[in-house]
PDB file of N, CA and C in Angstrom:
ATOM      1  N   MET A   1      89.966 101.170 122.200  1.00  0.00           N
ATOM      2  CA  MET A   1      91.421 101.468 122.933  1.00  0.00           C
ATOM      3  C   MET A   1      92.567 101.195 121.787  1.00  0.00           C
ATOM      4  N   SER A   2      92.202 100.326 120.874  1.00  0.00           N
ATOM      5  CA  SER A   2      93.373  99.867 120.017  1.00  0.00           C
ATOM      6  C   SER A   2      93.681 101.266 119.051  1.00  0.00           C
ATOM      7  N   TRP A   3      92.625 101.835 118.658  1.00  0.00           N
ATOM      8  CA  TRP A   3      93.013 103.128 117.991  1.00  0.00           C
ATOM      9  C   TRP A   3      93.551 104.148 118.572  1.00  0.00           C
ATOM     10  N   ALA A   4      93.321 104.245 120.025  1.00  0.00           N
ATOM     11  CA  ALA A   4      94.204 105.357 120.685  1.00  0.00           C
ATOM     12  C   ALA A   4      95.489 104.943 120.720  1.00  0.00           C
ATOM     13  N   ILE A   5      95.772 103.787 121.001  1.00  0.00           N
ATOM     14  CA  ILE A   5      97.225 103.199 121.164  1.00  0.00           C
ATOM     15  C   ILE A   5      97.903 103.218 119.863  1.00  0.00           C
ATOM     16  N   LEU A   6      97.291 102.771 118.846  1.00  0.00           N
ATOM     17  CA  LEU A   6      97.833 103.046 117.492  1.00  0.00           C
ATOM     18  C   LEU A   6      98.066 104.488 117.298  1.00  0.00           C
ATOM     19  N   ILE A   7      97.491 105.469 117.679  1.00  0.00           N
ATOM     20  CA  ILE A   7      97.829 106.833 117.325  1.00  0.00           C
ATOM     21  C   ILE A   7      98.857 107.165 118.075  1.00  0.00           C
ATOM     22  N   LEU A   8      99.028 106.736 119.365  1.00  0.00           N
ATOM     23  CA  LEU A   8     100.188 107.252 120.108  1.00  0.00           C
ATOM     24  C   LEU A   8     101.566 106.673 119.625  1.00  0.00           C
ATOM     25  N   SER A   9     101.057 105.259 119.199  1.00  0.00           N
ATOM     26  CA  SER A   9     102.337 104.625 118.822  1.00  0.00           C
ATOM     27  C   SER A   9     102.919 105.274 117.453  1.00  0.00           C
ATOM     28  N   GLY A  10     101.860 105.870 116.558  1.00  0.00           N
ATOM     29  CA  GLY A  10     102.221 106.389 115.268  1.00  0.00           C
ATOM     30  C   GLY A  10     103.158 107.842 115.623  1.00  0.00           C
ATOM     31  N   ILE A  11     102.693 108.442 116.620  1.00  0.00           N
ATOM     32  CA  ILE A  11     103.447 109.775 117.196  1.00  0.00           C
ATOM     33  C   ILE A  11     104.898 109.421 117.913  1.00  0.00           C
ATOM     34  N   LEU A  12     105.045 108.090 118.449  1.00  0.00           N
ATOM     35  CA  LEU A  12     106.146 107.847 119.009  1.00  0.00           C
ATOM     36  C   LEU A  12     107.003 107.398 117.725  1.00  0.00           C
ATOM     37  N   GLU A  13     106.571 106.791 116.720  1.00  0.00           N
ATOM     38  CA  GLU A  13     107.225 106.468 115.378  1.00  0.00           C
ATOM     39  C   GLU A  13     107.990 107.905 114.930  1.00  0.00           C
ATOM     40  N   ALA A  14     107.233 109.064 115.024  1.00  0.00           N
ATOM     41  CA  ALA A  14     107.744 110.313 114.326  1.00  0.00           C
ATOM     42  C   ALA A  14     108.874 110.667 115.520  1.00  0.00           C
ATOM     43  N   VAL A  15     108.811 110.401 116.674  1.00  0.00           N
ATOM     44  CA  VAL A  15     109.770 110.696 117.567  1.00  0.00           C
ATOM     45  C   VAL A  15     111.131 109.799 117.437  1.00  0.00           C
ATOM     46  N   TRP A  16     110.854 108.645 117.235  1.00  0.00           N
ATOM     47  CA  TRP A  16     112.085 107.906 117.117  1.00  0.00           C
ATOM     48  C   TRP A  16     112.716 108.060 115.746  1.00  0.00           C
ATOM     49  N   ALA A  17     111.825 108.341 114.661  1.00  0.00           N
ATOM     50  CA  ALA A  17     112.621 108.714 113.251  1.00  0.00           C
ATOM     51  C   ALA A  17     113.351 109.955 113.364  1.00  0.00           C
ATOM     52  N   THR A  18     112.904 111.011 114.235  1.00  0.00           N
ATOM     53  CA  THR A  18     113.392 112.330 114.184  1.00  0.00           C
ATOM     54  C   THR A  18     114.761 112.076 115.122  1.00  0.00           C
ATOM     55  N   ALA A  19     114.659 111.242 116.245  1.00  0.00           N
ATOM     56  CA  ALA A  19     115.955 111.044 117.057  1.00  0.00           C
ATOM     57  C   ALA A  19     116.782 110.289 116.480  1.00  0.00           C
ATOM     58  N   LEU A  20     116.456 109.489 115.595  1.00  0.00           N
ATOM     59  CA  LEU A  20     117.434 108.476 114.545  1.00  0.00           C
ATOM     60  C   LEU A  20     118.536 109.681 113.808  1.00  0.00           C
ATOM     61  N   GLY A  21     117.596 110.486 113.111  1.00  0.00           N
ATOM     62  CA  GLY A  21     118.227 111.397 112.382  1.00  0.00           C
ATOM     63  C   GLY A  21     119.111 112.367 113.112  1.00  0.00           C
ATOM     64  N   ARG A  22     118.968 112.715 114.311  1.00  0.00           N
ATOM     65  CA  ARG A  22     119.817 113.528 115.255  1.00  0.00           C
ATOM     66  C   ARG A  22     120.730 112.783 116.014  1.00  0.00           C
ATOM     67  N   SER A  23     120.769 111.466 115.901  1.00  0.00           N
ATOM     68  CA  SER A  23     121.808 110.562 116.702  1.00  0.00           C
ATOM     69  C   SER A  23     123.297 110.715 116.070  1.00  0.00           C
ATOM     70  N   ASP A  24     123.408 111.170 114.818  1.00  0.00           N
ATOM     71  CA  ASP A  24     124.558 111.104 114.067  1.00  0.00           C
ATOM     72  C   ASP A  24     125.302 109.919 114.027  1.00  0.00           C
ATOM     73  N   GLY A  25     124.271 108.562 113.563  1.00  0.00           N
ATOM     74  CA  GLY A  25     124.939 107.466 113.525  1.00  0.00           C
ATOM     75  C   GLY A  25     125.199 106.696 115.033  1.00  0.00           C
ATOM     76  N   PHE A  26     124.411 107.035 115.791  1.00  0.00           N
ATOM     77  CA  PHE A  26     124.417 106.643 117.228  1.00  0.00           C
ATOM     78  C   PHE A  26     125.497 106.897 117.976  1.00  0.00           C
ATOM     79  N   THR A  27     126.279 108.220 117.610  1.00  0.00           N
ATOM     80  CA  THR A  27     127.421 108.651 118.300  1.00  0.00           C
ATOM     81  C   THR A  27     126.900 109.688 119.347  1.00  0.00           C
ATOM     82  N   ARG A  28     125.488 110.274 119.348  1.00  0.00           N
ATOM     83  CA  ARG A  28     125.057 111.374 120.330  1.00  0.00           C
ATOM     84  C   ARG A  28     124.282 110.517 121.314  1.00  0.00           C
ATOM     85  N   PRO A  29     124.620 110.511 122.726  1.00  0.00           N
ATOM     86  CA  PRO A  29     123.899 109.717 123.660  1.00  0.00           C
ATOM     87  C   PRO A  29     122.486 109.995 123.736  1.00  0.00           C
ATOM     88  N   LEU A  30     122.195 111.332 123.933  1.00  0.00           N
ATOM     89  CA  LEU A  30     120.664 111.670 124.312  1.00  0.00           C
ATOM     90  C   LEU A  30     119.962 111.364 123.065  1.00  0.00           C
ATOM     91  N   PRO A  31     120.384 111.674 122.026  1.00  0.00           N
ATOM     92  CA  PRO A  31     119.130 111.323 120.719  1.00  0.00           C
ATOM     93  C   PRO A  31     119.112 109.815 120.627  1.00  0.00           C
ATOM     94  N   THR A  32     120.116 109.327 120.881  1.00  0.00           N
ATOM     95  CA  THR A  32     120.224 107.724 120.772  1.00  0.00           C
ATOM     96  C   THR A  32     119.542 106.892 121.782  1.00  0.00           C
ATOM     97  N   THR A  33     119.374 107.497 122.980  1.00  0.00           N
ATOM     98  CA  THR A  33     118.420 106.930 123.865  1.00  0.00           C
ATOM     99  C   THR A  33     117.056 107.219 123.599  1.00  0.00           C
ATOM    100  N   VAL A  34     116.704 108.379 123.234  1.00  0.00           N
ATOM    101  CA  VAL A  34     115.257 108.872 122.860  1.00  0.00           C
ATOM    102  C   VAL A  34     114.999 107.931 121.709  1.00  0.00           C
ATOM    103  N   PHE A  35     115.876 107.663 120.820  1.00  0.00           N
ATOM    104  CA  PHE A  35     115.494 106.767 119.646  1.00  0.00           C
ATOM    105  C   PHE A  35     114.996 105.296 120.238  1.00  0.00           C
ATOM    106  N   ALA A  36     115.970 104.871 121.019  1.00  0.00           N
ATOM    107  CA  ALA A  36     115.639 103.656 121.562  1.00  0.00           C
ATOM    108  C   ALA A  36     114.499 103.252 122.395  1.00  0.00           C
ATOM    109  N   VAL A  37     114.188 104.220 123.394  1.00  0.00           N
ATOM    110  CA  VAL A  37     113.052 104.129 124.140  1.00  0.00           C
ATOM    111  C   VAL A  37     111.753 104.424 123.200  1.00  0.00           C
ATOM    112  N   ALA A  38     111.725 105.493 122.373  1.00  0.00           N
ATOM    113  CA  ALA A  38     110.701 105.692 121.597  1.00  0.00           C
ATOM    114  C   ALA A  38     110.275 104.443 120.576  1.00  0.00           C
ATOM    115  N   LEU A  39     111.266 103.921 119.926  1.00  0.00           N
ATOM    116  CA  LEU A  39     111.286 102.690 119.181  1.00  0.00           C
ATOM    117  C   LEU A  39     110.640 101.548 119.836  1.00  0.00           C
ATOM    118  N   ALA A  40     111.015 101.363 121.093  1.00  0.00           N
ATOM    119  CA  ALA A  40     110.503 100.254 121.938  1.00  0.00           C
ATOM    120  C   ALA A  40     109.258 100.294 122.175  1.00  0.00           C
ATOM    121  N   ALA A  41     108.609 101.596 122.582  1.00  0.00           N
ATOM    122  CA  ALA A  41     107.205 101.991 122.959  1.00  0.00           C
ATOM    123  C   ALA A  41     106.249 101.812 121.780  1.00  0.00           C
ATOM    124  N   SER A  42     106.796 102.567 120.668  1.00  0.00           N
ATOM    125  CA  SER A  42     106.107 102.600 119.449  1.00  0.00           C
ATOM    126  C   SER A  42     105.776 100.980 118.993  1.00  0.00           C
ATOM    127  N   MET A  43     106.787 100.128 118.959  1.00  0.00           N
ATOM    128  CA  MET A  43     106.618  98.878 118.418  1.00  0.00           C
ATOM    129  C   MET A  43     105.672  98.182 119.437  1.00  0.00           C
ATOM    130  N   ALA A  44     105.698  98.373 120.387  1.00  0.00           N
ATOM    131  CA  ALA A  44     105.108  97.569 121.642  1.00  0.00           C
ATOM    132  C   ALA A  44     103.580  98.156 121.421  1.00  0.00           C
ATOM    133  N   GLY A  45     103.375  99.509 121.293  1.00  0.00           N
ATOM    134  CA  GLY A  45     101.955  99.951 120.829  1.00  0.00           C
ATOM    135  C   GLY A  45     101.372  99.399 119.735  1.00  0.00           C
ATOM    136  N   LEU A  46     102.215  99.557 118.574  1.00  0.00           N
ATOM    137  CA  LEU A  46     101.613  98.632 117.373  1.00  0.00           C
ATOM    138  C   LEU A  46     101.382  97.210 117.612  1.00  0.00           C
ATOM    139  N   ALA A  47     102.252  96.622 118.256  1.00  0.00           N
ATOM    140  CA  ALA A  47     101.772  95.104 118.404  1.00  0.00           C
ATOM    141  C   ALA A  47     100.616  95.025 119.183  1.00  0.00           C
ATOM    142  N   TYR A  48     100.463  95.747 120.248  1.00  0.00           N
ATOM    143  CA  TYR A  48      99.048  95.780 121.121  1.00  0.00           C
ATOM    144  C   TYR A  48      97.857  96.107 120.047  1.00  0.00           C
ATOM    145  N   ALA A  49      97.998  97.309 119.278  1.00  0.00           N
ATOM    146  CA  ALA A  49      96.977  97.635 118.514  1.00  0.00           C
ATOM    147  C   ALA A  49      96.744  96.487 117.631  1.00  0.00           C
ATOM    148  N   MET A  50      97.591  95.864 116.951  1.00  0.00           N
ATOM    149  CA  MET A  50      97.193  94.721 116.110  1.00  0.00           C
ATOM    150  C   MET A  50      96.531  93.734 116.484  1.00  0.00           C
ATOM    151  N   ARG A  51      96.226  93.583 117.933  1.00  0.00           N
ATOM    152  CA  ARG A  51      95.392  92.559 118.613  1.00  0.00           C
ATOM    153  C   ARG A  51      94.108  92.791 118.385  1.00  0.00           C
ATOM    154  N   GLY A  52      93.804  94.071 118.016  1.00  0.00           N
ATOM    155  CA  GLY A  52      92.298  94.365 117.899  1.00  0.00           C
ATOM    156  C   GLY A  52      92.026  94.998 116.573  1.00  0.00           C
ATOM    157  N   LEU A  53      92.934  95.059 115.513  1.00  0.00           N
ATOM    158  CA  LEU A  53      92.939  95.707 114.368  1.00  0.00           C
ATOM    159  C   LEU A  53      93.511  94.960 113.167  1.00  0.00           C
ATOM    160  N   PRO A  54      93.062  94.861 112.064  1.00  0.00           N
ATOM    161  CA  PRO A  54      93.683  94.337 110.935  1.00  0.00           C
ATOM    162  C   PRO A  54      95.046  94.627 110.807  1.00  0.00           C
ATOM    163  N   VAL A  55      95.962  93.710 110.552  1.00  0.00           N
ATOM    164  CA  VAL A  55      97.652  93.998 110.460  1.00  0.00           C
ATOM    165  C   VAL A  55      97.820  95.261 109.541  1.00  0.00           C
ATOM    166  N   GLY A  56      97.158  95.035 108.308  1.00  0.00           N
ATOM    167  CA  GLY A  56      97.261  96.123 107.236  1.00  0.00           C
ATOM    168  C   GLY A  56      97.109  97.412 107.442  1.00  0.00           C
ATOM    169  N   THR A  57      95.661  97.322 108.001  1.00  0.00           N
ATOM    170  CA  THR A  57      95.135  98.690 108.450  1.00  0.00           C
ATOM    171  C   THR A  57      96.084  99.327 109.681  1.00  0.00           C
ATOM    172  N   ALA A  58      96.411  98.563 110.491  1.00  0.00           N
ATOM    173  CA  ALA A  58      97.149  98.930 111.603  1.00  0.00           C
ATOM    174  C   ALA A  58      98.493  99.580 111.188  1.00  0.00           C
ATOM    175  N   TYR A  59      99.264  98.777 110.262  1.00  0.00           N
ATOM    176  CA  TYR A  59     100.423  99.091 109.764  1.00  0.00           C
ATOM    177  C   TYR A  59     100.384 100.330 109.011  1.00  0.00           C
ATOM    178  N   ALA A  60      99.469 100.589 108.145  1.00  0.00           N
ATOM    179  CA  ALA A  60      99.450 101.759 107.125  1.00  0.00           C
ATOM    180  C   ALA A  60      98.889 102.921 108.000  1.00  0.00           C
ATOM    181  N   VAL A  61      98.217 102.860 109.168  1.00  0.00           N
ATOM    182  CA  VAL A  61      97.776 103.851 109.732  1.00  0.00           C
ATOM    183  C   VAL A  61      99.250 104.487 110.737  1.00  0.00           C
ATOM    184  N   TRP A  62      99.569 103.452 111.257  1.00  0.00           N
ATOM    185  CA  TRP A  62     100.991 103.828 112.050  1.00  0.00           C
ATOM    186  C   TRP A  62     102.092 104.543 111.123  1.00  0.00           C
ATOM    187  N   VAL A  63     102.371 104.049 110.003  1.00  0.00           N
ATOM    188  CA  VAL A  63     103.336 104.571 109.084  1.00  0.00           C
ATOM    189  C   VAL A  63     102.965 105.740 108.820  1.00  0.00           C
ATOM    190  N   GLY A  64     101.551 105.937 108.229  1.00  0.00           N
ATOM    191  CA  GLY A  64     101.100 107.336 107.824  1.00  0.00           C
ATOM    192  C   GLY A  64     101.161 108.501 108.861  1.00  0.00           C
ATOM    193  N   ILE A  65     100.808 107.984 110.166  1.00  0.00           N
ATOM    194  CA  ILE A  65     101.000 109.132 110.980  1.00  0.00           C
ATOM    195  C   ILE A  65     102.556 109.375 111.294  1.00  0.00           C
ATOM    196  N   GLY A  66     103.292 108.301 111.480  1.00  0.00           N
ATOM    197  CA  GLY A  66     104.636 108.707 111.691  1.00  0.00           C
ATOM    198  C   GLY A  66     105.256 109.262 110.477  1.00  0.00           C
ATOM    199  N   ALA A  67     105.024 109.019 109.358  1.00  0.00           N
ATOM    200  CA  ALA A  67     105.567 109.833 108.258  1.00  0.00           C
ATOM    201  C   ALA A  67     105.176 111.235 108.124  1.00  0.00           C
ATOM    202  N   THR A  68     103.826 111.363 108.257  1.00  0.00           N
ATOM    203  CA  THR A  68     103.332 112.538 108.238  1.00  0.00           C
ATOM    204  C   THR A  68     103.946 113.699 109.520  1.00  0.00           C
ATOM    205  N   LEU A  69     104.076 113.089 110.589  1.00  0.00           N
ATOM    206  CA  LEU A  69     104.376 113.975 111.522  1.00  0.00           C
ATOM    207  C   LEU A  69     106.090 114.300 111.523  1.00  0.00           C
ATOM    208  N   THR A  70     106.638 113.203 110.987  1.00  0.00           N
ATOM    209  CA  THR A  70     108.205 113.413 110.913  1.00  0.00           C
ATOM    210  C   THR A  70     108.584 114.562 109.849  1.00  0.00           C
ATOM    211  N   VAL A  71     107.878 114.248 108.556  1.00  0.00           N
ATOM    212  CA  VAL A  71     108.111 115.410 107.613  1.00  0.00           C
ATOM    213  C   VAL A  71     107.368 116.728 108.018  1.00  0.00           C
ATOM    214  N   GLY A  72     106.518 116.709 108.666  1.00  0.00           N
ATOM    215  CA  GLY A  72     105.862 118.123 109.180  1.00  0.00           C
ATOM    216  C   GLY A  72     106.682 118.632 110.165  1.00  0.00           C
ATOM    217  N   TYR A  73     107.183 118.122 110.937  1.00  0.00           N
ATOM    218  CA  TYR A  73     108.271 118.570 112.032  1.00  0.00           C
ATOM    219  C   TYR A  73     109.434 118.994 111.187  1.00  0.00           C
ATOM    220  N   ALA A  74     110.149 118.452 110.357  1.00  0.00           N
ATOM    221  CA  ALA A  74     111.218 118.770 109.607  1.00  0.00           C
ATOM    222  C   ALA A  74     111.028 119.950 108.837  1.00  0.00           C
ATOM    223  N   MET A  75     109.738 120.096 108.259  1.00  0.00           N
ATOM    224  CA  MET A  75     109.353 121.448 107.592  1.00  0.00           C
ATOM    225  C   MET A  75     109.350 122.563 108.385  1.00  0.00           C
ATOM    226  N   VAL A  76     108.677 122.428 109.685  1.00  0.00           N
ATOM    227  CA  VAL A  76     108.357 123.631 110.559  1.00  0.00           C
ATOM    228  C   VAL A  76     109.738 123.962 110.933  1.00  0.00           C
ATOM    229  N   THR A  77     110.708 122.962 111.482  1.00  0.00           N
ATOM    230  CA  THR A  77     111.928 123.437 111.977  1.00  0.00           C
ATOM    231  C   THR A  77     113.032 123.934 110.908  1.00  0.00           C
ATOM    232  N   GLY A  78     112.764 123.666 109.515  1.00  0.00           N
ATOM    233  CA  GLY A  78     113.634 124.285 108.636  1.00  0.00           C
ATOM    234  C   GLY A  78     114.341 123.115 108.034  1.00  0.00           C
ATOM    235  N   ALA A  79     114.502 121.926 108.776  1.00  0.00           N
ATOM    236  CA  ALA A  79     115.349 120.821 108.446  1.00  0.00           C
ATOM    237  C   ALA A  79     115.059 120.479 106.759  1.00  0.00           C
ATOM    238  N   GLU A  80     113.439 120.550 106.449  1.00  0.00           N
ATOM    239  CA  GLU A  80     113.276 120.208 104.962  1.00  0.00           C
ATOM    240  C   GLU A  80     112.679 121.436 104.528  1.00  0.00           C
ATOM    241  N   SER A  81     112.590 121.523 103.214  1.00  0.00           N
ATOM    242  CA  SER A  81     111.897 122.685 102.567  1.00  0.00           C
ATOM    243  C   SER A  81     110.334 122.416 102.545  1.00  0.00           C
ATOM    244  N   ALA A  82     109.452 123.547 102.682  1.00  0.00           N
ATOM    245  CA  ALA A  82     107.982 123.263 102.433  1.00  0.00           C
ATOM    246  C   ALA A  82     107.653 123.794 101.081  1.00  0.00           C
ATOM    247  N   SER A  83     106.791 123.251 100.521  1.00  0.00           N
ATOM    248  CA  SER A  83     106.113 123.577  99.330  1.00  0.00           C
ATOM    249  C   SER A  83     104.883 123.336  99.385  1.00  0.00           C
ATOM    250  N   LEU A  84     103.962 124.226  98.301  1.00  0.00           N
ATOM    251  CA  LEU A  84     102.333 123.706  98.360  1.00  0.00           C
ATOM    252  C   LEU A  84     102.196 122.253  98.061  1.00  0.00           C
ATOM    253  N   LEU A  85     103.188 121.674  97.034  1.00  0.00           N
ATOM    254  CA  LEU A  85     102.937 120.366  96.756  1.00  0.00           C
ATOM    255  C   LEU A  85     103.205 119.477  97.527  1.00  0.00           C
ATOM    256  N   ARG A  86     104.125 119.724  98.465  1.00  0.00           N
ATOM    257  CA  ARG A  86     104.503 118.698  99.522  1.00  0.00           C
ATOM    258  C   ARG A  86     103.605 118.872 100.559  1.00  0.00           C
ATOM    259  N   ILE A  87     102.969 120.012 100.991  1.00  0.00           N
ATOM    260  CA  ILE A  87     101.890 120.187 101.957  1.00  0.00           C
ATOM    261  C   ILE A  87     100.608 119.204 101.269  1.00  0.00           C
ATOM    262  N   VAL A  88     100.137 119.531  99.717  1.00  0.00           N
ATOM    263  CA  VAL A  88      99.219 118.723  99.370  1.00  0.00           C
ATOM    264  C   VAL A  88      99.183 117.372  99.483  1.00  0.00           C
ATOM    265  N   LEU A  89     100.415 116.747  99.260  1.00  0.00           N
ATOM    266  CA  LEU A  89     100.600 115.430  99.362  1.00  0.00           C
ATOM    267  C   LEU A  89     100.512 114.851 100.787  1.00  0.00           C
ATOM    268  N   ILE A  90     101.035 115.543 101.502  1.00  0.00           N
ATOM    269  CA  ILE A  90     100.911 115.136 103.016  1.00  0.00           C
ATOM    270  C   ILE A  90      99.723 115.078 103.422  1.00  0.00           C
ATOM    271  N   LEU A  91      98.758 116.173 103.034  1.00  0.00           N
ATOM    272  CA  LEU A  91      97.359 116.066 103.307  1.00  0.00           C
ATOM    273  C   LEU A  91      96.712 114.720 102.809  1.00  0.00           C
ATOM    274  N   GLY A  92      97.279 114.471 101.754  1.00  0.00           N
ATOM    275  CA  GLY A  92      96.606 113.288 100.997  1.00  0.00           C
ATOM    276  C   GLY A  92      96.846 111.926 102.118  1.00  0.00           C
ATOM    277  N   ILE A  93      98.058 111.943 102.509  1.00  0.00           N
ATOM    278  CA  ILE A  93      98.268 110.863 103.531  1.00  0.00           C
ATOM    279  C   ILE A  93      97.438 110.854 104.592  1.00  0.00           C
ATOM    280  N   ILE A  94      97.182 111.974 105.170  1.00  0.00           N
ATOM    281  CA  ILE A  94      96.184 112.228 106.327  1.00  0.00           C
ATOM    282  C   ILE A  94      95.014 111.857 105.879  1.00  0.00           C
ATOM    283  N   GLY A  95      94.404 112.163 104.798  1.00  0.00           N
ATOM    284  CA  GLY A  95      93.160 111.710 104.340  1.00  0.00           C
ATOM    285  C   GLY A  95      93.183 110.192 104.186  1.00  0.00           C
ATOM    286  N   CYS A  96      94.055 109.355 103.575  1.00  0.00           N
ATOM    287  CA  CYS A  96      94.049 108.061 103.634  1.00  0.00           C
ATOM    288  C   CYS A  96      94.186 107.590 104.858  1.00  0.00           C
ATOM    289  N   VAL A  97      94.821 107.979 105.941  1.00  0.00           N
ATOM    290  CA  VAL A  97      94.869 107.426 107.353  1.00  0.00           C
ATOM    291  C   VAL A  97      93.287 107.716 107.763  1.00  0.00           C
ATOM    292  N   VAL A  98      92.757 108.930 107.687  1.00  0.00           N
ATOM    293  CA  VAL A  98      91.136 109.037 108.277  1.00  0.00           C
ATOM    294  C   VAL A  98      90.477 108.153 107.329  1.00  0.00           C
ATOM    295  N   GLY A  99      90.410 107.846 106.103  1.00  0.00           N
ATOM    296  CA  GLY A  99      89.883 106.972 105.542  1.00  0.00           C
ATOM    297  C   GLY A  99      89.913 105.485 105.886  1.00  0.00           C
ATOM    298  N   LEU A 100      90.938 105.050 106.085  1.00  0.00           N
ATOM    299  CA  LEU A 100      91.109 103.678 106.873  1.00  0.00           C
ATOM    300  C   LEU A 100      90.591 103.724 108.216  1.00  0.00           C
ATOM    301  N   LYS A 101      90.532 104.643 108.827  1.00  0.00           N
ATOM    302  CA  LYS A 101      89.773 104.626 110.048  1.00  0.00           C
ATOM    303  C   LYS A 101      88.137 104.544 110.010  1.00  0.00           C
ATOM    304  N   LEU A 102      87.570 105.578 109.063  1.00  0.00           N
ATOM    305  CA  LEU A 102      86.416 105.372 108.664  1.00  0.00           C
ATOM    306  C   LEU A 102      85.958 104.028 108.004  1.00  0.00           C
ATOM    307  N   ALA A 103      86.734 103.409 107.206  1.00  0.00           N
ATOM    308  CA  ALA A 103      86.509 102.277 106.571  1.00  0.00           C
ATOM    309  C   ALA A 103      86.274 101.069 107.413  1.00  0.00           C
ATOM    310  N   HIS A 104      86.998 100.993 108.725  1.00  0.00           N
ATOM    311  CA  HIS A 104      86.946 100.105 109.722  1.00  0.00           C
ATOM    312  C   HIS A 104      85.928  99.878 110.497  1.00  0.00           C
TER     313      HIS A 104
END
């Protein structure tokens, strides 16, 4: 159960990071609300997952999922440029996250 909650929390990290970028310094109500709700849920899930997983592993996986999804979404929507090198490096992050799961 800890791993499932951790994955969901990593997804929510990408949601709050994207909403933070769209909040325009917390001046736009909807993205600001999405940010606050997703941040709280993401942190609560991370805290729950850390009860059954080592802190370092849980945090690294949480950040890896969030970062990968955030930059992937930005590339798909055109907010950031995509290149072969960037895609390969993101795949490296995914490989590390999978490796941490397998090593646990």
